[in-house]
Full PDB file with SEQRES, HELIX, SHEET, SSBOND, CRYST1, ORIGX, SCALE, CONECT and MASTER records, all heavy atoms in Angstrom:
SEQRES   1 A   37  VAL ALA VAL GLU GLY ILE SER ALA PRO GLY ILE GLY GLU          
SEQRES   2 A   37  SER PRO LEU ILE LEU ALA CYS ARG VAL THR GLU VAL LYS          
SEQRES   3 A   37  PRO LEU GLY THR HIS ASP LEU PHE LEU ALA GLU                  
SHEET    1 AA1 2 VAL A  22  PRO A  27  0                                        
SHEET    2 AA1 2 ASP A  32  ALA A  36 -1                                        
CRYST1    1.000    1.000    1.000  90.00  90.00  90.00 P 1           1          
ORIGX1      1.000000  0.000000  0.000000        0.00000                         
ORIGX2      0.000000  1.000000  0.000000        0.00000                         
ORIGX3      0.000000  0.000000  1.000000        0.00000                         
SCALE1      1.000000  0.000000  0.000000        0.00000                         
SCALE2      0.000000  1.000000  0.000000        0.00000                         
SCALE3      0.000000  0.000000  1.000000        0.00000                         
ATOM      1  N   VAL A   1     101.879  96.429  71.236  1.00  0.00           N  
ATOM      2  CA  VAL A   1     102.754  97.596  71.402  1.00  0.00           C  
ATOM      3  C   VAL A   1     103.539  97.462  72.699  1.00  0.00           C  
ATOM      4  O   VAL A   1     103.051  96.927  73.683  1.00  0.00           O  
ATOM      5  CB  VAL A   1     101.972  98.930  71.395  1.00  0.00           C  
ATOM      6  CG1 VAL A   1     101.297  99.177  70.047  1.00  0.00           C  
ATOM      7  CG2 VAL A   1     100.940  98.983  72.508  1.00  0.00           C  
ATOM      8  N   ALA A   2     104.774  97.951  72.652  1.00  0.00           N  
ATOM      9  CA  ALA A   2     105.613  97.948  73.855  1.00  0.00           C  
ATOM     10  C   ALA A   2     105.057  98.941  74.861  1.00  0.00           C  
ATOM     11  O   ALA A   2     104.590 100.022  74.483  1.00  0.00           O  
ATOM     12  CB  ALA A   2     107.044  98.312  73.492  1.00  0.00           C  
ATOM     13  N   VAL A   3     105.086  98.548  76.133  1.00  0.00           N  
ATOM     14  CA  VAL A   3     104.703  99.458  77.208  1.00  0.00           C  
ATOM     15  C   VAL A   3     105.839  99.477  78.221  1.00  0.00           C  
ATOM     16  O   VAL A   3     106.435  98.449  78.527  1.00  0.00           O  
ATOM     17  CB  VAL A   3     103.361  99.066  77.879  1.00  0.00           C  
ATOM     18  CG1 VAL A   3     102.194  99.386  76.973  1.00  0.00           C  
ATOM     19  CG2 VAL A   3     103.307  97.610  78.268  1.00  0.00           C  
ATOM     20  N   GLU A   4     106.137 100.646  78.698  1.00  0.00           N  
ATOM     21  CA  GLU A   4     107.275 100.834  79.595  1.00  0.00           C  
ATOM     22  C   GLU A   4     107.094 100.059  80.897  1.00  0.00           C  
ATOM     23  O   GLU A   4     106.025 100.080  81.497  1.00  0.00           O  
ATOM     24  CB  GLU A   4     107.436 102.321  79.898  1.00  0.00           C  
ATOM     25  CG  GLU A   4     108.714 102.662  80.616  1.00  0.00           C  
ATOM     26  CD  GLU A   4     108.890 104.164  80.745  1.00  0.00           C  
ATOM     27  OE1 GLU A   4     108.728 104.876  79.735  1.00  0.00           O  
ATOM     28  OE2 GLU A   4     109.163 104.605  81.870  1.00  0.00           O  
ATOM     29  N   GLY A   5     108.149  99.365  81.313  1.00  0.00           N  
ATOM     30  CA  GLY A   5     108.167  98.729  82.622  1.00  0.00           C  
ATOM     31  C   GLY A   5     107.883  97.241  82.643  1.00  0.00           C  
ATOM     32  O   GLY A   5     108.107  96.592  83.655  1.00  0.00           O  
ATOM     33  N   ILE A   6     107.339  96.688  81.544  1.00  0.00           N  
ATOM     34  CA  ILE A   6     107.077  95.251  81.481  1.00  0.00           C  
ATOM     35  C   ILE A   6     107.458  94.731  80.097  1.00  0.00           C  
ATOM     36  O   ILE A   6     107.589  95.499  79.148  1.00  0.00           O  
ATOM     37  CB  ILE A   6     105.601  94.899  81.792  1.00  0.00           C  
ATOM     38  CG1 ILE A   6     104.641  95.534  80.788  1.00  0.00           C  
ATOM     39  CG2 ILE A   6     105.241  95.275  83.220  1.00  0.00           C  
ATOM     40  CD1 ILE A   6     103.198  95.068  80.913  1.00  0.00           C  
ATOM     41  N   SER A   7     107.590  93.419  79.995  1.00  0.00           N  
ATOM     42  CA  SER A   7     107.923  92.788  78.715  1.00  0.00           C  
ATOM     43  C   SER A   7     106.685  92.455  77.901  1.00  0.00           C  
ATOM     44  O   SER A   7     106.753  92.362  76.685  1.00  0.00           O  
ATOM     45  CB  SER A   7     108.722  91.507  78.954  1.00  0.00           C  
ATOM     46  OG  SER A   7     109.925  91.798  79.612  1.00  0.00           O  
ATOM     47  N   ALA A   8     105.562  92.226  78.562  1.00  0.00           N  
ATOM     48  CA  ALA A   8     104.321  91.899  77.854  1.00  0.00           C  
ATOM     49  C   ALA A   8     103.862  93.108  77.051  1.00  0.00           C  
ATOM     50  O   ALA A   8     103.993  94.247  77.499  1.00  0.00           O  
ATOM     51  CB  ALA A   8     103.242  91.490  78.854  1.00  0.00           C  
ATOM     52  N   PRO A   9     103.295  92.875  75.856  1.00  0.00           N  
ATOM     53  CA  PRO A   9     102.807  93.995  75.060  1.00  0.00           C  
ATOM     54  C   PRO A   9     101.437  94.471  75.524  1.00  0.00           C  
ATOM     55  O   PRO A   9     100.676  93.715  76.129  1.00  0.00           O  
ATOM     56  CB  PRO A   9     102.707  93.406  73.655  1.00  0.00           C  
ATOM     57  CG  PRO A   9     102.332  91.979  73.906  1.00  0.00           C  
ATOM     58  CD  PRO A   9     103.092  91.598  75.171  1.00  0.00           C  
ATOM     59  N   GLY A  10     101.139  95.717  75.198  1.00  0.00           N  
ATOM     60  CA  GLY A  10      99.786  96.216  75.326  1.00  0.00           C  
ATOM     61  C   GLY A  10      99.095  96.059  73.985  1.00  0.00           C  
ATOM     62  O   GLY A  10      99.689  95.588  73.015  1.00  0.00           O  
ATOM     63  N   ILE A  11      97.851  96.481  73.928  1.00  0.00           N  
ATOM     64  CA  ILE A  11      97.064  96.432  72.699  1.00  0.00           C  
ATOM     65  C   ILE A  11      96.982  97.859  72.164  1.00  0.00           C  
ATOM     66  O   ILE A  11      96.390  98.738  72.800  1.00  0.00           O  
ATOM     67  CB  ILE A  11      95.659  95.848  72.961  1.00  0.00           C  
ATOM     68  CG1 ILE A  11      95.791  94.417  73.481  1.00  0.00           C  
ATOM     69  CG2 ILE A  11      94.809  95.906  71.696  1.00  0.00           C  
ATOM     70  CD1 ILE A  11      94.493  93.815  73.995  1.00  0.00           C  
ATOM     71  N   GLY A  12      97.578  98.096  70.994  1.00  0.00           N  
ATOM     72  CA  GLY A  12      97.661  99.436  70.426  1.00  0.00           C  
ATOM     73  C   GLY A  12      96.323 100.111  70.233  1.00  0.00           C  
ATOM     74  O   GLY A  12      96.221 101.335  70.312  1.00  0.00           O  
ATOM     75  N   GLU A  13      95.280  99.362  69.995  1.00  0.00           N  
ATOM     76  CA  GLU A  13      93.951  99.927  69.750  1.00  0.00           C  
ATOM     77  C   GLU A  13      93.250 100.386  71.021  1.00  0.00           C  
ATOM     78  O   GLU A  13      92.217 101.059  70.964  1.00  0.00           O  
ATOM     79  CB  GLU A  13      93.086  98.897  69.009  1.00  0.00           C  
ATOM     80  CG  GLU A  13      93.519  98.625  67.584  1.00  0.00           C  
ATOM     81  CD  GLU A  13      94.784  97.768  67.440  1.00  0.00           C  
ATOM     82  OE1 GLU A  13      95.240  97.171  68.442  1.00  0.00           O  
ATOM     83  OE2 GLU A  13      95.317  97.699  66.325  1.00  0.00           O  
ATOM     84  N   SER A  14      93.787 100.054  72.169  1.00  0.00           N  
ATOM     85  CA  SER A  14      93.196 100.464  73.446  1.00  0.00           C  
ATOM     86  C   SER A  14      93.540 101.926  73.728  1.00  0.00           C  
ATOM     87  O   SER A  14      94.665 102.351  73.495  1.00  0.00           O  
ATOM     88  CB  SER A  14      93.732  99.588  74.576  1.00  0.00           C  
ATOM     89  OG  SER A  14      93.288 100.059  75.831  1.00  0.00           O  
ATOM     90  N   PRO A  15      92.596 102.691  74.271  1.00  0.00           N  
ATOM     91  CA  PRO A  15      92.900 104.100  74.562  1.00  0.00           C  
ATOM     92  C   PRO A  15      93.855 104.279  75.741  1.00  0.00           C  
ATOM     93  O   PRO A  15      94.554 105.282  75.832  1.00  0.00           O  
ATOM     94  CB  PRO A  15      91.541 104.710  74.885  1.00  0.00           C  
ATOM     95  CG  PRO A  15      90.712 103.563  75.371  1.00  0.00           C  
ATOM     96  CD  PRO A  15      91.201 102.363  74.602  1.00  0.00           C  
ATOM     97  N   LEU A  16      93.900 103.280  76.652  1.00  0.00           N  
ATOM     98  CA  LEU A  16      94.728 103.394  77.840  1.00  0.00           C  
ATOM     99  C   LEU A  16      95.203 102.014  78.260  1.00  0.00           C  
ATOM    100  O   LEU A  16      94.413 101.076  78.310  1.00  0.00           O  
ATOM    101  CB  LEU A  16      93.935 104.039  78.976  1.00  0.00           C  
ATOM    102  CG  LEU A  16      94.740 104.369  80.233  1.00  0.00           C  
ATOM    103  CD1 LEU A  16      94.334 105.723  80.765  1.00  0.00           C  
ATOM    104  CD2 LEU A  16      94.566 103.309  81.287  1.00  0.00           C  
ATOM    105  N   ILE A  17      96.507 101.915  78.531  1.00  0.00           N  
ATOM    106  CA  ILE A  17      97.113 100.646  78.930  1.00  0.00           C  
ATOM    107  C   ILE A  17      97.819 100.839  80.270  1.00  0.00           C  
ATOM    108  O   ILE A  17      98.609 101.774  80.424  1.00  0.00           O  
ATOM    109  CB  ILE A  17      98.143 100.168  77.887  1.00  0.00           C  
ATOM    110  CG1 ILE A  17      97.507 100.052  76.488  1.00  0.00           C  
ATOM    111  CG2 ILE A  17      98.763  98.839  78.316  1.00  0.00           C  
ATOM    112  CD1 ILE A  17      98.519  99.926  75.365  1.00  0.00           C  
ATOM    113  N   LEU A  18      97.535  99.951  81.213  1.00  0.00           N  
ATOM    114  CA  LEU A  18      98.208  99.948  82.507  1.00  0.00           C  
ATOM    115  C   LEU A  18      99.216  98.798  82.529  1.00  0.00           C  
ATOM    116  O   LEU A  18      98.827  97.632  82.414  1.00  0.00           O  
ATOM    117  CB  LEU A  18      97.203  99.739  83.648  1.00  0.00           C  
ATOM    118  CG  LEU A  18      96.078 100.763  83.768  1.00  0.00           C  
ATOM    119  CD1 LEU A  18      95.078 100.307  84.827  1.00  0.00           C  
ATOM    120  CD2 LEU A  18      96.635 102.120  84.101  1.00  0.00           C  
ATOM    121  N   ALA A  19     100.496  99.118  82.643  1.00  0.00           N  
ATOM    122  CA  ALA A  19     101.530  98.096  82.760  1.00  0.00           C  
ATOM    123  C   ALA A  19     101.604  97.692  84.225  1.00  0.00           C  
ATOM    124  O   ALA A  19     101.773  98.545  85.104  1.00  0.00           O  
ATOM    125  CB  ALA A  19     102.871  98.638  82.278  1.00  0.00           C  
ATOM    126  N   CYS A  20     101.480  96.393  84.510  1.00  0.00           N  
ATOM    127  CA  CYS A  20     101.337  95.925  85.884  1.00  0.00           C  
ATOM    128  C   CYS A  20     102.354  94.845  86.222  1.00  0.00           C  
ATOM    129  O   CYS A  20     102.610  93.947  85.419  1.00  0.00           O  
ATOM    130  CB  CYS A  20      99.937  95.355  86.078  1.00  0.00           C  
ATOM    131  SG  CYS A  20      98.607  96.511  85.673  1.00  0.00           S  
ATOM    132  N   ARG A  21     102.885  94.935  87.463  1.00  0.00           N  
ATOM    133  CA  ARG A  21     103.759  93.898  88.009  1.00  0.00           C  
ATOM    134  C   ARG A  21     103.077  93.276  89.216  1.00  0.00           C  
ATOM    135  O   ARG A  21     102.682  93.979  90.154  1.00  0.00           O  
ATOM    136  CB  ARG A  21     105.102  94.489  88.437  1.00  0.00           C  
ATOM    137  CG  ARG A  21     106.025  94.686  87.284  1.00  0.00           C  
ATOM    138  CD  ARG A  21     107.488  94.655  87.735  1.00  0.00           C  
ATOM    139  NE  ARG A  21     108.280  95.264  86.694  1.00  0.00           N  
ATOM    140  CZ  ARG A  21     108.891  96.442  86.795  1.00  0.00           C  
ATOM    141  NH1 ARG A  21     108.821  97.135  87.906  1.00  0.00           N  
ATOM    142  NH2 ARG A  21     109.576  96.912  85.784  1.00  0.00           N  
ATOM    143  N   VAL A  22     102.978  91.964  89.204  1.00  0.00           N  
ATOM    144  CA  VAL A  22     102.305  91.228  90.271  1.00  0.00           C  
ATOM    145  C   VAL A  22     103.096  91.354  91.570  1.00  0.00           C  
ATOM    146  O   VAL A  22     104.315  91.174  91.592  1.00  0.00           O  
ATOM    147  CB  VAL A  22     102.141  89.742  89.890  1.00  0.00           C  
ATOM    148  CG1 VAL A  22     101.531  88.944  91.044  1.00  0.00           C  
ATOM    149  CG2 VAL A  22     101.300  89.602  88.621  1.00  0.00           C  
ATOM    150  N   THR A  23     102.387  91.681  92.647  1.00  0.00           N  
ATOM    151  CA  THR A  23     103.013  91.749  93.968  1.00  0.00           C  
ATOM    152  C   THR A  23     102.571  90.597  94.866  1.00  0.00           C  
ATOM    153  O   THR A  23     103.268  90.242  95.802  1.00  0.00           O  
ATOM    154  CB  THR A  23     102.688  93.078  94.675  1.00  0.00           C  
ATOM    155  OG1 THR A  23     101.268  93.185  94.821  1.00  0.00           O  
ATOM    156  CG2 THR A  23     103.231  94.265  93.885  1.00  0.00           C  
ATOM    157  N   GLU A  24     101.405  90.037  94.567  1.00  0.00           N  
ATOM    158  CA  GLU A  24     100.870  88.961  95.404  1.00  0.00           C  
ATOM    159  C   GLU A  24      99.786  88.219  94.648  1.00  0.00           C  
ATOM    160  O   GLU A  24      99.055  88.807  93.848  1.00  0.00           O  
ATOM    161  CB  GLU A  24     100.284  89.571  96.681  1.00  0.00           C  
ATOM    162  CG  GLU A  24      99.867  88.591  97.719  1.00  0.00           C  
ATOM    163  CD  GLU A  24      99.353  89.275  99.003  1.00  0.00           C  
ATOM    164  OE1 GLU A  24      99.589  90.481  99.190  1.00  0.00           O  
ATOM    165  OE2 GLU A  24      98.718  88.571  99.809  1.00  0.00           O  
ATOM    166  N   VAL A  25      99.689  86.916  94.885  1.00  0.00           N  
ATOM    167  CA  VAL A  25      98.614  86.097  94.331  1.00  0.00           C  
ATOM    168  C   VAL A  25      97.884  85.465  95.506  1.00  0.00           C  
ATOM    169  O   VAL A  25      98.500  84.821  96.351  1.00  0.00           O  
ATOM    170  CB  VAL A  25      99.156  84.996  93.387  1.00  0.00           C  
ATOM    171  CG1 VAL A  25      98.005  84.184  92.804  1.00  0.00           C  
ATOM    172  CG2 VAL A  25     100.017  85.599  92.285  1.00  0.00           C  
ATOM    173  N   LYS A  26      96.572  85.690  95.570  1.00  0.00           N  
ATOM    174  CA  LYS A  26      95.769  85.160  96.676  1.00  0.00           C  
ATOM    175  C   LYS A  26      94.768  84.140  96.132  1.00  0.00           C  
ATOM    176  O   LYS A  26      93.824  84.519  95.444  1.00  0.00           O  
ATOM    177  CB  LYS A  26      95.011  86.292  97.366  1.00  0.00           C  
ATOM    178  CG  LYS A  26      95.920  87.314  98.037  1.00  0.00           C  
ATOM    179  CD  LYS A  26      95.132  88.391  98.748  1.00  0.00           C  
ATOM    180  CE  LYS A  26      94.655  88.021 100.090  1.00  0.00           C  
ATOM    181  NZ  LYS A  26      95.590  87.671 101.113  1.00  0.00           N  
ATOM    182  N   PRO A  27      94.966  82.856  96.439  1.00  0.00           N  
ATOM    183  CA  PRO A  27      93.974  81.850  96.048  1.00  0.00           C  
ATOM    184  C   PRO A  27      92.676  82.087  96.831  1.00  0.00           C  
ATOM    185  O   PRO A  27      92.708  82.241  98.048  1.00  0.00           O  
ATOM    186  CB  PRO A  27      94.621  80.526  96.450  1.00  0.00           C  
ATOM    187  CG  PRO A  27      96.067  80.835  96.684  1.00  0.00           C  
ATOM    188  CD  PRO A  27      96.123  82.270  97.111  1.00  0.00           C  
ATOM    189  N   LEU A  28      91.552  82.119  96.119  1.00  0.00           N  
ATOM    190  CA  LEU A  28      90.288  82.441  96.783  1.00  0.00           C  
ATOM    191  C   LEU A  28      89.212  81.373  96.612  1.00  0.00           C  
ATOM    192  O   LEU A  28      88.208  81.431  97.298  1.00  0.00           O  
ATOM    193  CB  LEU A  28      89.751  83.781  96.253  1.00  0.00           C  
ATOM    194  CG  LEU A  28      90.639  84.993  96.481  1.00  0.00           C  
ATOM    195  CD1 LEU A  28      90.049  86.206  95.796  1.00  0.00           C  
ATOM    196  CD2 LEU A  28      90.819  85.254  97.967  1.00  0.00           C  
ATOM    197  N   GLY A  29      89.381  80.468  95.699  1.00  0.00           N  
ATOM    198  CA  GLY A  29      88.327  79.489  95.387  1.00  0.00           C  
ATOM    199  C   GLY A  29      88.342  79.259  93.890  1.00  0.00           C  
ATOM    200  O   GLY A  29      89.328  78.761  93.357  1.00  0.00           O  
ATOM    201  N   THR A  30      87.266  79.637  93.215  1.00  0.00           N  
ATOM    202  CA  THR A  30      87.219  79.451  91.760  1.00  0.00           C  
ATOM    203  C   THR A  30      88.228  80.336  91.037  1.00  0.00           C  
ATOM    204  O   THR A  30      88.649  80.015  89.929  1.00  0.00           O  
ATOM    205  CB  THR A  30      85.826  79.776  91.185  1.00  0.00           C  
ATOM    206  OG1 THR A  30      85.488  81.134  91.488  1.00  0.00           O  
ATOM    207  CG2 THR A  30      84.776  78.819  91.716  1.00  0.00           C  
ATOM    208  N   HIS A  31      88.608  81.465  91.634  1.00  0.00           N  
ATOM    209  CA  HIS A  31      89.543  82.419  91.033  1.00  0.00           C  
ATOM    210  C   HIS A  31      90.679  82.719  92.005  1.00  0.00           C  
ATOM    211  O   HIS A  31      90.500  82.623  93.214  1.00  0.00           O  
ATOM    212  CB  HIS A  31      88.834  83.746  90.703  1.00  0.00           C  
ATOM    213  CG  HIS A  31      87.849  83.648  89.595  1.00  0.00           C  
ATOM    214  ND1 HIS A  31      86.661  82.958  89.697  1.00  0.00           N  
ATOM    215  CD2 HIS A  31      87.874  84.172  88.339  1.00  0.00           C  
ATOM    216  CE1 HIS A  31      85.992  83.056  88.559  1.00  0.00           C  
ATOM    217  NE2 HIS A  31      86.708  83.778  87.722  1.00  0.00           N  
ATOM    218  N   ASP A  32      91.811  83.099  91.447  1.00  0.00           N  
ATOM    219  CA  ASP A  32      92.910  83.641  92.242  1.00  0.00           C  
ATOM    220  C   ASP A  32      92.968  85.136  91.972  1.00  0.00           C  
ATOM    221  O   ASP A  32      92.776  85.587  90.836  1.00  0.00           O  
ATOM    222  CB  ASP A  32      94.249  83.000  91.878  1.00  0.00           C  
ATOM    223  CG  ASP A  32      94.395  81.591  92.453  1.00  0.00           C  
ATOM    224  OD1 ASP A  32      93.444  81.094  93.086  1.00  0.00           O  
ATOM    225  OD2 ASP A  32      95.470  81.002  92.247  1.00  0.00           O  
ATOM    226  N   LEU A  33      93.237  85.885  93.007  1.00  0.00           N  
ATOM    227  CA  LEU A  33      93.329  87.339  92.912  1.00  0.00           C  
ATOM    228  C   LEU A  33      94.793  87.730  92.724  1.00  0.00           C  
ATOM    229  O   LEU A  33      95.634  87.402  93.557  1.00  0.00           O  
ATOM    230  CB  LEU A  33      92.774  87.978  94.187  1.00  0.00           C  
ATOM    231  CG  LEU A  33      92.777  89.493  94.256  1.00  0.00           C  
ATOM    232  CD1 LEU A  33      91.752  90.071  93.282  1.00  0.00           C  
ATOM    233  CD2 LEU A  33      92.466  89.951  95.678  1.00  0.00           C  
ATOM    234  N   PHE A  34      95.075  88.393  91.617  1.00  0.00           N  
ATOM    235  CA  PHE A  34      96.412  88.921  91.358  1.00  0.00           C  
ATOM    236  C   PHE A  34      96.425  90.386  91.771  1.00  0.00           C  
ATOM    237  O   PHE A  34      95.698  91.205  91.189  1.00  0.00           O  
ATOM    238  CB  PHE A  34      96.771  88.819  89.869  1.00  0.00           C  
ATOM    239  CG  PHE A  34      97.072  87.426  89.404  1.00  0.00           C  
ATOM    240  CD1 PHE A  34      96.042  86.573  89.027  1.00  0.00           C  
ATOM    241  CD2 PHE A  34      98.377  86.969  89.334  1.00  0.00           C  
ATOM    242  CE1 PHE A  34      96.315  85.284  88.591  1.00  0.00           C  
ATOM    243  CE2 PHE A  34      98.662  85.680  88.898  1.00  0.00           C  
ATOM    244  CZ  PHE A  34      97.628  84.835  88.525  1.00  0.00           C  
ATOM    245  N   LEU A  35      97.215  90.720  92.776  1.00  0.00           N  
ATOM    246  CA  LEU A  35      97.421  92.102  93.176  1.00  0.00           C  
ATOM    247  C   LEU A  35      98.641  92.586  92.418  1.00  0.00           C  
ATOM    248  O   LEU A  35      99.653  91.877  92.343  1.00  0.00           O  
ATOM    249  CB  LEU A  35      97.643  92.209  94.671  1.00  0.00           C  
ATOM    250  CG  LEU A  35      96.552  91.610  95.560  1.00  0.00           C  
ATOM    251  CD1 LEU A  35      96.947  91.703  97.021  1.00  0.00           C  
ATOM    252  CD2 LEU A  35      95.236  92.289  95.317  1.00  0.00           C  
ATOM    253  N   ALA A  36      98.575  93.788  91.866  1.00  0.00           N  
ATOM    254  CA  ALA A  36      99.684  94.254  91.032  1.00  0.00           C  
ATOM    255  C   ALA A  36      99.880  95.751  91.166  1.00  0.00           C  
ATOM    256  O   ALA A  36      98.917  96.519  91.300  1.00  0.00           O  
ATOM    257  CB  ALA A  36      99.425  93.899  89.578  1.00  0.00           C  
ATOM    258  N   GLU A  37     101.144  96.153  91.091  1.00  0.00           N  
ATOM    259  CA  GLU A  37     101.488  97.567  91.081  1.00  0.00           C  
ATOM    260  C   GLU A  37     101.489  98.051  89.635  1.00  0.00           C  
ATOM    261  O   GLU A  37     101.995  97.370  88.737  1.00  0.00           O  
ATOM    262  CB  GLU A  37     102.857  97.792  91.709  1.00  0.00           C  
ATOM    263  CG  GLU A  37     103.188  99.258  91.851  1.00  0.00           C  
ATOM    264  CD  GLU A  37     104.427  99.517  92.685  1.00  0.00           C  
ATOM    265  OE1 GLU A  37     104.971  98.569  93.289  1.00  0.00           O  
ATOM    266  OE2 GLU A  37     104.842 100.686  92.736  1.00  0.00           O  
TER     267      GLU A  37                                                      
MASTER        0    0    0    0    2    0    0    6  266    1    0    3          
END                                                                             
């Protein structure tokens, strides 16, 4: 399903969808942390 503010779709079956835009990526080791508004 379309969600306002981003091009990526949400999942219609989910009760709540947060549309997020990445503001920063922090490499940490095994994982990178995506900070998003």
